[in-house]
Protein backbone atom coordinates (compact mmCIF):
# COMPACT_ATOMS: atom_id res chain seq x y z
CA MET A 1 -8.30 18.53 -5.37
CA ALA A 2 -5.05 17.91 -7.07
CA ARG A 3 -2.05 16.00 -5.43
CA VAL A 4 1.01 18.03 -4.52
CA LEU A 5 4.00 16.62 -4.38
CA ARG A 6 7.47 18.01 -3.20
CA LEU A 7 10.12 17.38 -5.23
CA LEU A 8 13.09 15.21 -3.83
CA PRO A 9 16.08 16.66 -2.42
CA PRO A 10 18.71 17.02 -4.56
CA ALA A 11 21.19 14.03 -3.06
CA LEU A 12 18.08 12.23 -3.88
CA ALA A 13 17.43 13.67 -7.69
CA ALA A 14 20.89 13.38 -8.73
CA LEU A 15 20.30 9.70 -9.94
CA THR A 16 20.80 8.31 -13.28
CA LEU A 17 17.59 6.72 -15.42
CA ALA A 18 17.84 3.01 -15.70
CA ALA A 19 15.71 0.36 -16.46
CA CYS A 20 13.09 -1.16 -14.22
CA GLY A 21 14.52 -4.01 -12.55
CA GLY A 22 12.30 -7.29 -10.64
CA GLY A 23 11.63 -8.22 -7.31
CA ALA A 24 14.02 -6.91 -4.37
CA SER A 25 15.93 -9.75 -3.36
CA GLY A 26 17.20 -10.19 -7.10
CA GLY A 27 15.56 -13.85 -7.18
CA ALA A 28 12.20 -15.67 -7.07
CA ILE A 29 9.03 -13.75 -5.73
CA PRO A 30 6.94 -15.62 -3.40
CA PRO A 31 3.80 -16.57 -4.14
CA PRO A 32 1.19 -14.90 -2.24
CA ALA A 33 -0.86 -15.83 0.79
CA ALA A 34 -4.36 -16.69 0.65
CA PRO A 35 -6.24 -13.68 2.44
CA SER A 36 -6.09 -14.47 6.27
CA ALA A 37 -8.98 -13.98 8.84
CA ASP A 38 -7.09 -12.37 10.97
CA CYS A 39 -8.60 -9.10 11.68
CA ALA A 40 -12.39 -7.96 12.98
CA ARG A 41 -14.60 -7.98 9.59
CA PRO A 42 -17.81 -6.11 9.61
CA ALA A 43 -21.15 -7.83 9.71
CA ALA A 44 -22.93 -8.56 6.99
CA PRO A 45 -26.29 -7.09 7.25
CA SER A 46 -29.26 -8.80 8.49
CA SER A 47 -31.52 -7.12 6.16
CA TRP A 48 -31.23 -5.42 2.82
CA PRO A 49 -33.61 -2.80 1.44
CA GLY A 50 -35.64 -3.90 -1.45
CA PRO A 51 -36.70 -6.99 -2.75
CA VAL A 52 -34.95 -10.29 -3.52
CA LYS A 53 -33.91 -11.39 -6.82
CA VAL A 54 -32.75 -14.32 -8.56
CA VAL A 55 -30.38 -14.06 -11.88
CA GLY A 56 -31.23 -17.56 -13.60
CA ASN A 57 -34.13 -20.45 -13.18
CA GLY A 58 -31.15 -23.44 -12.38
CA THR A 59 -28.95 -23.04 -15.65
CA ALA A 60 -26.03 -21.95 -17.23
CA ALA A 61 -27.81 -20.86 -20.21
CA SER A 62 -30.21 -18.98 -18.25
CA CYS A 63 -27.59 -16.47 -16.75
CA THR A 64 -27.28 -13.77 -19.10
CA GLU A 65 -26.53 -10.34 -19.60
CA ALA A 66 -30.56 -9.37 -20.04
CA ALA A 67 -31.17 -11.35 -16.78
CA LEU A 68 -28.52 -9.11 -14.93
CA SER A 69 -29.94 -6.24 -16.05
CA SER A 70 -33.22 -6.88 -15.13
CA ALA A 71 -32.39 -8.19 -11.84
CA LEU A 72 -29.98 -4.59 -11.13
CA ALA A 73 -33.20 -2.37 -12.03
CA GLY A 74 -34.42 -0.86 -8.70
CA GLY A 75 -31.51 -2.76 -6.57
CA GLY A 76 -32.39 -5.32 -3.85
CA HIS A 77 -30.63 -8.46 -2.85
CA ILE A 78 -29.44 -10.49 -5.91
CA THR A 79 -28.60 -13.95 -5.65
CA PHE A 80 -27.66 -16.70 -9.07
CA ALA A 81 -28.77 -19.97 -10.02
CA CYS A 82 -26.79 -20.92 -12.79
CA GLY A 83 -26.53 -24.40 -12.10
CA ALA A 84 -23.90 -26.29 -10.63
CA SER A 85 -20.64 -25.18 -12.94
CA PRO A 86 -19.15 -22.01 -12.36
CA VAL A 87 -20.07 -19.51 -14.78
CA THR A 88 -19.48 -16.24 -16.77
CA ILE A 89 -21.29 -13.70 -17.74
CA VAL A 90 -20.08 -11.23 -19.72
CA VAL A 91 -21.28 -7.68 -20.38
CA THR A 92 -21.46 -5.10 -23.24
CA ALA A 93 -22.22 -2.26 -21.27
CA GLN A 94 -21.78 -0.83 -18.10
CA LYS A 95 -24.73 -1.70 -15.58
CA ALA A 96 -26.32 1.54 -13.66
CA ILE A 97 -26.40 1.09 -9.45
CA THR A 98 -29.28 3.56 -8.70
CA ALA A 99 -30.79 1.74 -5.68
CA ASP A 100 -28.90 0.07 -2.98
CA THR A 101 -28.22 -3.57 -3.90
CA TRP A 102 -26.67 -6.54 -2.53
CA LEU A 103 -24.97 -8.79 -5.71
CA ASP A 104 -23.75 -12.40 -4.29
CA GLY A 105 -22.27 -14.83 -6.28
CA GLY A 106 -21.75 -17.35 -4.10
CA GLY A 107 -18.40 -18.03 -5.02
CA ALA A 108 -19.62 -19.58 -9.02
CA VAL A 109 -19.91 -16.32 -10.90
CA THR A 110 -17.91 -14.39 -12.77
CA LEU A 111 -18.56 -10.75 -14.22
CA SER A 112 -16.88 -9.92 -17.20
CA GLY A 113 -16.08 -6.70 -18.88
CA GLY A 114 -14.80 -8.73 -22.18
CA GLY A 115 -12.16 -6.17 -22.03
CA THR A 116 -13.82 -3.61 -24.05
CA THR A 117 -16.41 -1.99 -21.20
CA ARG A 118 -16.66 -0.79 -17.27
CA ILE A 119 -18.77 -3.61 -15.46
CA LEU A 120 -20.92 -2.02 -12.65
CA ALA A 121 -21.09 1.96 -11.87
CA ILE A 122 -22.54 4.45 -9.50
CA HIS A 123 -22.92 8.14 -11.44
CA ASN A 124 -24.27 10.27 -8.60
CA SER A 125 -22.90 13.10 -7.03
CA PHE A 126 -20.34 13.88 -4.74
CA GLU A 127 -21.60 14.81 -1.80
CA ARG A 128 -24.69 12.05 -1.92
CA PRO A 129 -24.08 9.20 0.40
CA GLY A 130 -25.96 6.71 -1.37
CA PRO A 131 -26.67 4.21 -3.15
CA ASN A 132 -24.51 1.32 -1.28
CA LEU A 133 -23.00 -1.20 -3.17
CA ARG A 134 -22.23 -4.72 -1.57
CA VAL A 135 -20.67 -7.10 -4.07
CA GLU A 136 -20.02 -10.47 -2.47
CA ARG A 137 -18.93 -13.82 -3.61
CA LEU A 138 -18.01 -12.96 -7.20
CA THR A 139 -15.30 -12.68 -9.68
CA PHE A 140 -15.20 -9.46 -11.90
CA ARG A 141 -12.43 -9.64 -14.43
CA ASP A 142 -11.55 -8.09 -17.92
CA GLY A 143 -13.50 -4.65 -16.91
CA HIS A 144 -12.04 -1.89 -19.15
CA ALA A 145 -13.07 1.79 -18.49
CA THR A 146 -12.69 4.86 -20.48
CA GLY A 147 -13.22 8.61 -19.63
CA THR A 148 -13.03 12.29 -20.54
CA ALA A 149 -9.56 12.95 -22.69
CA ILE A 150 -7.67 15.82 -20.89
CA PRO A 151 -4.33 17.73 -21.87
CA LEU A 152 -2.40 15.38 -19.25
CA GLY A 153 -3.93 11.94 -20.32
CA THR A 154 -7.64 11.33 -18.64
CA ASP A 155 -9.90 12.80 -16.36
CA VAL A 156 -11.12 11.07 -13.28
CA ASP A 157 -14.23 9.45 -14.95
CA GLY A 158 -11.91 6.92 -16.61
CA GLY A 159 -11.13 4.79 -13.31
CA GLY A 160 -12.75 1.84 -12.02
CA GLY A 161 -12.38 -0.93 -14.32
CA ALA A 162 -14.66 -3.08 -12.50
CA ILE A 163 -16.48 -0.52 -10.52
CA PHE A 164 -16.88 2.82 -10.43
CA HIS A 165 -18.59 5.19 -7.84
CA LEU A 166 -19.00 8.98 -8.31
CA GLY A 167 -21.29 9.20 -4.32
CA GLY A 168 -22.53 6.09 -2.48
CA THR A 169 -20.50 3.31 -0.88
CA VAL A 170 -18.58 0.31 -2.46
CA THR A 171 -18.23 -2.86 -0.41
CA ALA A 172 -16.52 -5.85 -1.73
CA VAL A 173 -16.75 -8.79 0.29
CA ASP A 174 -14.67 -12.45 -0.58
CA CYS A 175 -14.36 -11.67 -4.27
CA GLN A 176 -11.69 -11.81 -7.12
CA PHE A 177 -10.92 -8.50 -9.21
CA LEU A 178 -8.58 -9.96 -12.30
CA ASP A 179 -7.07 -8.05 -14.88
CA ASN A 180 -9.42 -4.77 -15.07
CA THR A 181 -8.10 -1.90 -16.52
CA ALA A 182 -9.10 1.72 -16.28
CA ALA A 183 -7.21 4.53 -18.26
CA THR A 184 -3.69 4.36 -17.83
CA TRP A 185 -2.22 7.77 -18.15
CA GLY A 186 -3.01 11.12 -16.22
CA PRO A 187 -2.99 12.56 -13.24
CA ASP A 188 -5.60 11.69 -10.95
CA VAL A 189 -7.32 9.12 -12.77
CA ALA A 190 -7.06 5.53 -10.81
CA GLY A 191 -8.45 2.62 -9.93
CA GLY A 192 -7.92 -0.34 -12.00
CA ALA A 193 -10.39 -2.35 -10.25
CA ILE A 194 -12.48 0.12 -8.07
CA SER A 195 -12.58 3.73 -8.01
CA GLY A 196 -14.60 5.90 -5.90
CA ILE A 197 -14.77 9.19 -5.43
CA GLY A 198 -16.92 11.75 -3.16
CA ASN A 199 -17.65 12.48 0.37
CA PRO A 200 -18.86 10.43 2.06
CA ALA A 201 -18.26 8.19 -0.17
CA ALA A 202 -16.04 5.14 1.34
CA ILE A 203 -14.79 1.69 -0.06
CA THR A 204 -14.72 -1.29 2.24
CA VAL A 205 -12.76 -4.71 1.13
CA VAL A 206 -12.67 -7.53 2.98
CA GLY A 207 -10.95 -11.17 2.11
CA SER A 208 -10.52 -10.45 -1.32
CA THR A 209 -7.88 -10.96 -4.28
CA PHE A 210 -6.94 -8.14 -6.41
CA ARG A 211 -4.32 -9.72 -9.09
CA GLY A 212 -2.96 -7.87 -12.42
CA ASN A 213 -5.31 -5.02 -12.60
CA ARG A 214 -3.85 -1.62 -14.38
CA ALA A 215 -4.65 2.40 -14.20
CA ALA A 216 -2.63 5.60 -14.20
CA ASN A 217 -2.46 5.89 -10.25
CA GLY A 218 -4.22 2.83 -7.71
CA GLY A 219 -3.53 -0.13 -10.14
CA ALA A 220 -6.19 -1.71 -7.85
CA ILE A 221 -8.07 0.86 -5.98
CA GLY A 222 -8.02 4.51 -6.16
CA SER A 223 -10.09 6.72 -4.00
CA LEU A 224 -10.48 10.71 -4.16
CA HIS A 225 -11.56 11.99 -0.88
CA ALA A 226 -13.40 8.34 -0.40
CA ALA A 227 -12.63 6.37 2.99
CA VAL A 228 -10.76 3.14 2.64
CA THR A 229 -11.32 0.46 4.51
CA ILE A 230 -9.06 -2.87 4.08
CA ILE A 231 -9.50 -6.18 5.45
CA ASP A 232 -7.82 -9.41 5.27
CA SER A 233 -6.81 -9.54 1.38
CA VAL A 234 -4.17 -9.66 -1.18
CA PHE A 235 -3.13 -6.91 -3.54
CA GLU A 236 -0.21 -9.07 -6.16
CA ALA A 237 1.06 -7.43 -9.42
CA ASN A 238 -1.04 -4.36 -9.98
CA GLU A 239 0.45 -1.56 -11.71
CA ALA A 240 0.18 2.32 -11.49
CA ALA A 241 1.29 2.45 -14.99
CA GLY A 242 1.32 6.42 -15.27
CA ARG A 243 4.29 8.65 -15.12
CA GLY A 244 5.61 11.98 -13.50
CA ALA A 245 2.93 11.93 -10.56
CA ASN A 246 1.31 15.42 -10.10
CA SER A 247 4.90 17.42 -10.98
CA VAL A 248 4.55 20.87 -12.04
CA ASP A 249 7.13 22.49 -14.08
CA GLY A 250 9.34 25.86 -13.09
CA SER A 251 6.40 27.78 -14.34
CA GLY A 252 3.78 26.07 -12.03
CA GLN A 253 2.11 24.15 -15.38
CA GLN A 254 1.12 20.39 -14.00
CA VAL A 255 3.13 18.03 -16.11
CA GLY A 256 2.61 15.06 -14.67
CA HIS A 257 0.87 11.57 -15.97
CA GLY A 258 0.34 9.60 -12.71
CA GLY A 259 2.17 6.67 -11.45
CA ASN A 260 1.35 6.89 -7.99
CA GLY A 261 -0.03 3.47 -5.93
CA GLY A 262 1.11 0.30 -7.43
CA ALA A 263 -2.21 -1.00 -5.62
CA LEU A 264 -3.95 1.70 -3.63
CA SER A 265 -4.14 5.48 -3.94
CA MET A 266 -6.09 7.75 -2.06
CA ASP A 267 -6.09 11.17 -2.16
CA GLY A 268 -8.66 13.50 -0.29
CA GLU A 269 -9.61 15.42 3.19
CA ASN A 270 -11.01 14.17 6.24
CA ARG A 271 -11.06 10.33 5.19
CA ARG A 272 -9.70 7.33 7.49
CA LEU A 273 -7.29 4.69 5.53
CA SER A 274 -7.81 1.42 7.49
CA ILE A 275 -5.43 -1.40 6.45
CA CYS A 276 -5.59 -4.93 8.78
CA GLY A 277 -4.29 -7.93 7.46
CA ALA A 278 -3.37 -7.65 3.81
CA THR A 279 -0.68 -8.12 1.68
CA PHE A 280 0.65 -6.36 -0.62
CA ARG A 281 3.22 -7.99 -2.85
CA ALA A 282 4.81 -7.42 -6.52
CA ASN A 283 2.75 -4.18 -7.55
CA GLN A 284 4.69 -1.30 -8.96
CA ALA A 285 4.23 2.37 -9.63
CA GLY A 286 6.08 4.85 -12.55
CA ALA A 287 6.25 7.66 -9.79
CA PHE A 288 5.71 7.35 -5.63
CA GLY A 289 4.21 4.38 -3.79
CA GLY A 290 4.80 0.65 -5.43
CA ALA A 291 2.11 -0.59 -3.35
CA LEU A 292 0.11 2.32 -1.39
CA PHE A 293 0.71 6.25 -2.00
CA ARG A 294 -2.06 8.45 0.26
CA THR A 295 -1.60 12.40 0.34
CA SER A 296 -3.78 13.85 2.82
CA TYR A 297 -3.93 17.31 3.92
CA HIS A 298 -5.17 18.05 7.65
CA GLU A 299 -3.20 15.34 9.17
CA GLU A 300 -5.79 12.61 8.50
CA PRO A 301 -4.72 9.18 9.98
CA THR A 302 -3.62 6.24 8.35
CA ASP A 303 -4.04 2.45 10.57
CA ILE A 304 -1.99 -0.57 9.36
CA ASP A 305 -2.26 -3.59 11.59
CA ARG A 306 -0.63 -7.29 10.48
CA ALA A 307 0.48 -6.17 7.02
CA THR A 308 2.59 -7.19 4.44
CA PHE A 309 4.32 -5.02 1.83
CA ASP A 310 6.55 -7.42 0.29
CA ALA A 311 8.73 -7.17 -3.03
CA ASN A 312 6.78 -4.19 -4.62
CA LEU A 313 8.71 -1.77 -6.77
CA VAL A 314 8.92 1.76 -8.11
CA ALA A 315 9.88 2.27 -11.79
CA ASP A 316 13.46 3.51 -11.63
CA GLU A 317 13.41 7.37 -12.72
CA PRO A 318 15.32 10.16 -11.24
CA THR A 319 12.48 11.76 -8.95
CA SER A 320 10.56 8.52 -8.54
CA GLY A 321 10.64 6.49 -5.04
CA ALA A 322 8.91 4.48 -2.12
CA GLY A 323 8.61 1.07 -3.25
CA ALA A 324 6.50 0.07 -0.36
CA ALA A 325 4.66 3.27 0.47
CA TYR A 326 4.28 6.79 0.62
CA LEU A 327 2.45 8.69 3.27
CA GLN A 328 1.75 12.59 3.07
CA GLY A 329 0.49 14.34 5.23
CA THR A 330 -1.39 11.85 7.64
CA ARG A 331 -0.46 10.87 10.94
CA ALA A 332 0.22 7.01 10.54
CA THR A 333 -0.18 4.07 12.41
CA ILE A 334 1.84 1.18 11.90
CA THR A 335 1.97 -1.92 13.92
CA ASN A 336 3.14 -6.04 13.48
CA THR A 337 3.32 -5.22 9.96
CA THR A 338 6.59 -6.34 7.54
CA VAL A 339 8.11 -4.37 5.17
CA SER A 340 10.44 -6.59 2.74
CA ARG A 341 12.40 -6.56 -0.76
CA ASN A 342 11.14 -3.73 -1.95
CA ARG A 343 12.82 -1.60 -4.65
CA ALA A 344 13.04 1.85 -5.67
CA ALA A 345 15.81 4.14 -6.97
CA ASN A 346 15.43 6.26 -3.39
CA SER A 347 13.36 4.83 -0.53
CA PRO A 348 12.83 1.47 -1.01
CA GLY A 349 10.73 1.15 1.98
CA LEU A 350 8.80 3.54 3.66
CA ARG A 351 8.52 7.45 2.95
CA PHE A 352 6.63 9.47 5.11
CA HIS A 353 6.26 13.49 4.19
CA ASP A 354 4.60 16.44 5.23
CA HIS A 355 2.18 18.36 3.27
CA GLY A 356 2.33 21.97 3.84
CA ALA A 357 0.79 22.84 7.65
CA ALA A 358 0.09 19.22 7.39
CA GLN A 359 2.72 17.52 9.68
CA ALA A 360 3.22 14.02 8.88
CA ARG A 361 3.39 11.46 11.43
CA ALA A 362 4.89 7.99 11.87
CA ASP A 363 4.22 5.70 14.77
CA LEU A 364 5.70 2.03 14.09
CA THR A 365 5.73 -0.29 16.64
CA ASN A 366 6.55 -4.31 16.29
CA VAL A 367 7.63 -3.18 12.77
CA THR A 368 9.92 -5.58 10.39
CA ILE A 369 11.76 -3.69 7.68
CA VAL A 370 14.05 -5.29 6.34
CA GLU A 371 16.00 -6.04 2.88
CA ASN A 372 14.47 -2.81 1.14
CA ALA A 373 17.02 -1.48 -1.41
CA VAL A 374 17.68 1.51 -4.27
CA TYR A 375 18.90 0.19 -7.82
CA ASP A 376 22.56 -0.37 -7.55
CA ARG A 377 24.54 2.49 -9.56
CA ALA A 378 27.70 1.95 -11.51
CA ASP A 379 29.12 4.47 -8.78
CA PRO A 380 28.02 3.55 -5.69
CA ASN A 381 28.35 6.81 -4.79
CA THR A 382 25.34 7.92 -6.48
CA ASN A 383 23.13 5.23 -5.41
CA GLY A 384 19.86 6.67 -3.69
CA LEU A 385 19.22 7.29 -0.32
CA ALA A 386 16.79 5.96 2.84
CA GLY A 387 16.98 2.34 2.54
CA GLY A 388 14.34 1.41 5.30
CA LEU A 389 12.87 5.00 6.45
CA SER A 390 12.79 7.92 5.12
CA THR A 391 11.29 10.79 7.73
CA THR A 392 13.01 13.85 6.55
CA ASP A 393 11.01 16.60 9.02
CA VAL A 394 8.28 14.23 10.54
CA ASP A 395 7.89 13.30 13.91
CA GLY A 396 6.89 9.79 15.40
CA THR A 397 8.11 6.88 17.81
CA ILE A 398 10.08 3.98 16.21
CA THR A 399 9.00 1.05 19.25
CA ASN A 400 10.26 -1.97 18.90
CA CYS A 401 11.14 -2.35 15.27
CA THR A 402 13.96 -4.19 13.54
CA ILE A 403 15.43 -1.87 10.67
CA ALA A 404 18.23 -4.50 9.05
CA ARG A 405 19.79 -5.54 5.69
CA ASN A 406 18.41 -2.87 4.19
CA ARG A 407 20.39 -1.22 1.58
CA ALA A 408 21.01 2.18 0.08
CA GLY A 409 24.23 5.10 -0.92
CA PHE A 410 23.61 5.92 2.81
CA ALA A 411 21.36 6.34 5.26
CA ALA A 412 20.68 3.20 4.83
CA GLY A 413 17.91 2.22 7.62
CA ILE A 414 16.22 6.00 8.52
CA LEU A 415 16.79 9.25 6.87
CA GLY A 416 15.81 12.01 8.81
CA LEU A 417 15.91 11.96 12.79
CA SER A 418 15.14 14.79 14.52
CA GLY A 419 11.78 14.48 14.96
CA LEU A 420 11.77 10.61 15.79
CA THR A 421 11.85 8.79 19.14
CA ILE A 422 13.44 5.48 18.99
CA VAL A 423 13.43 2.54 21.67
CA ASN A 424 14.03 -1.15 22.20
CA THR A 425 15.04 -1.02 18.06
CA VAL A 426 17.90 -2.78 15.99
CA ILE A 427 19.32 -0.95 13.19
CA ALA A 428 21.64 -2.95 10.92
CA ASN A 429 21.85 -1.51 7.47
CA ASP A 430 23.81 -1.85 4.20
CA ALA A 431 25.56 1.93 2.94
CA ALA A 432 27.42 1.62 -0.46
CA ASN A 433 28.77 5.13 0.34
CA ALA A 434 31.58 4.45 3.37
CA TYR A 435 31.92 8.20 4.35
CA VAL A 436 29.13 9.22 4.83
CA ASN A 437 26.63 8.17 7.65
CA GLY A 438 25.45 4.69 7.11
CA ASN A 439 22.49 3.79 9.30
CA CYS A 440 20.83 7.02 9.93
CA HIS A 441 21.27 10.22 8.18
CA ASP A 442 19.95 13.69 9.09
CA PHE A 443 20.47 17.07 6.80
CA ALA A 444 19.86 19.08 9.63
CA GLY A 445 22.31 17.85 11.38
CA GLY A 446 19.76 16.06 14.17
CA LYS A 447 19.69 12.95 16.04
CA ALA A 448 16.90 10.71 17.11
CA ALA A 449 15.66 11.10 21.16
CA GLY A 450 15.17 7.75 22.76
CA ALA A 451 17.32 5.16 24.20
CA ARG A 452 18.07 1.27 24.16
CA VAL A 453 19.20 0.80 20.24
CA LEU A 454 21.31 -1.58 18.96
CA GLN A 455 23.03 -0.69 16.12
CA GLN A 456 25.35 -2.38 13.91
CA ALA A 457 27.75 -0.83 11.05
CA ASP A 458 28.39 -1.79 7.42
CA ALA A 459 31.45 -4.06 7.51
CA GLY A 460 33.87 -1.28 6.18
CA GLN A 461 32.36 1.76 7.05
CA VAL A 462 34.62 4.62 7.63
CA GLN A 463 32.00 6.74 9.17
CA ASP A 464 28.69 5.74 10.89
CA GLY A 465 27.29 7.59 13.58
CA GLY A 466 24.73 6.81 16.13
CA CYS A 467 21.44 7.36 14.87
CA LEU A 468 20.61 8.62 18.35
CA ALA A 469 22.19 11.30 20.39
CA GLY A 470 22.81 8.69 23.69
CA GLY A 471 21.70 5.20 24.62
CA VAL A 472 22.94 3.15 21.79
CA THR A 473 24.97 -0.04 22.10
CA ARG A 474 27.20 -1.59 19.04
CA GLY A 475 26.89 -4.92 18.16
CA ASP A 476 25.85 -7.73 15.85
CA PRO A 477 22.05 -8.37 16.02
CA ARG A 478 22.82 -12.25 15.04
CA LEU A 479 19.38 -11.69 13.14
CA GLY A 480 18.32 -14.83 11.23
CA PRO A 481 16.94 -15.29 7.85
CA LEU A 482 13.60 -13.56 7.16
CA GLY A 483 10.41 -16.03 7.51
CA LEU A 484 7.37 -17.23 8.86
CA HIS A 485 8.42 -17.46 12.70
CA GLY A 486 4.99 -17.65 14.09
CA GLY A 487 2.29 -15.04 13.26
CA ALA A 488 0.73 -13.82 9.93
CA THR A 489 3.93 -12.19 8.69
CA GLU A 490 7.26 -12.85 8.00
CA THR A 491 10.10 -11.56 10.77
CA ALA A 492 13.88 -11.85 11.39
CA VAL A 493 14.67 -12.97 14.75
CA PRO A 494 17.96 -12.43 16.95
CA GLY A 495 19.89 -15.75 17.23
CA ALA A 496 21.58 -17.08 19.86
CA GLY A 497 24.35 -14.53 21.79
CA SER A 498 22.60 -11.91 20.05
CA PRO A 499 23.03 -8.65 22.64
CA ALA A 500 19.74 -8.11 21.88
CA LEU A 501 18.32 -10.58 23.87
CA GLY A 502 16.62 -9.65 26.87
CA ALA A 503 18.04 -6.03 26.72
CA GLY A 504 14.96 -4.24 26.48
CA ALA A 505 12.56 -2.38 28.73
CA ALA A 506 9.21 -1.04 29.09
CA CYS A 507 8.26 -3.37 25.59
CA PRO A 508 4.56 -3.68 24.62
CA ALA A 509 2.85 -6.60 25.74
CA THR A 510 3.20 -8.66 22.90
CA ASP A 511 5.63 -9.02 19.61
CA GLN A 512 5.03 -8.84 15.86
CA ARG A 513 3.85 -12.56 16.35
CA GLY A 514 1.70 -11.45 18.93
CA ALA A 515 3.64 -13.44 21.50
CA ALA A 516 4.20 -12.25 24.93
CA ARG A 517 7.02 -10.58 25.85
CA PRO A 518 8.88 -10.60 29.04
CA ALA A 519 10.36 -8.11 31.19
CA ALA A 520 13.10 -8.57 30.17
CA CYS A 521 12.24 -8.51 26.78
CA THR A 522 13.99 -8.69 23.53
CA LEU A 523 14.88 -5.45 21.36
CA GLY A 524 13.33 -5.81 17.71
CA ALA A 525 10.07 -6.43 16.31
CA VAL A 526 10.08 -9.94 17.62
CA GLU A 527 11.37 -12.37 20.78
CA PRO A 528 12.79 -15.73 19.66
CA PRO A 529 9.97 -18.16 19.48
């Protein structure tokens, strides 16, 4: 089912084309964190169908492609005996998974496609629930997928440089996926490392790292109708290399070539996206969603908890955007998460969008959205909009969030207000255009409902109306620098004398760091340590 993207309003689209820049902060990108272990992990299977097999007889020389192929035939639980040192097995042709298979490398085995071939594949049917593939403590690198040529690039069979599955399920536990590539040009082909297609297909990733993978969409993972669960994993420097998304021309002819979801793209109906404890850093996309792109059709759920979206970017093109994440037609619940230092021509933070009759919803609690920035123009009045959140025509609640130091032409904090309720939140952002509402703007002239919002105008801002119809206090939140102040994610803490301190009421029981909040709680995502 093709993605349907609505073009941006003219105010966002009227931007000049420029080269793609570096990290959002303009400086060095912080090194990636190791996968955490904060979120509940699914239990390992106590048993597995099929025989237990071993690749190798204790020496590196015995761990060959032929031995791997023999073990994979018929599935089962497969381990390796390749000696004391790490070993790499280079495959010259993809290995078909035809039965339930559990492949455990013990942390010492790399499977390489040598830059010429996909590594593992399930070729079944869209509706088929099996087979099930579990890969554990393995490194997959240099896989390379090709597929069927179509007028706009490559068809969906060109996804999954390391693992492709049509039907079935894939679970990756404590694995590394490095420098795998899929087809890099096409509107629907996706998944530089893993591509999953089908319903009830599913992709589950636990404690794994994806780095340097590339595809037209979903630089690391691509899903077409497959459910996706990500736990305690790191996505760094992956790329959705396409351009134009799924756009159509004036005659209705599709003309886009992809570019959605630098790390992850998900397209499909009646499936859940669940992310807990993941870090998305320095990924990039050519169209929408520097780290994450999701389009859904019936308001399916997206749950994101204890995640970091940092220093991701989208190519500086006139109709591109959503530096961190683009969420369309989904009911998103985001908690205890930081969105920071991302860049795009517009909406460098989070962008929520409806999808026809599917009304998007954005419920954010204990979320830090800080230092996201549009690309600067020679004429600042032409800078893009929506530095922190883009929520036009979107419902939702913003509770105890910190939306600060984001930069845009205007609406540097939030674009789109009329469907939102905002409480116990700090909004203090930087707008290039002093004559349009700097922090928040609604094209229909609406305001958000809510109370207990601390709003600070840009220095020199001529016009900066309140984000709410009432319940806004003006002042400097005195936020400290973004950093690790306890908990799994970076936060910005209000300093001594901040009017945010003790100004909240009915806050969540804990803050973004997991620390208990007092009855007289602090506005924003965190209490002072």
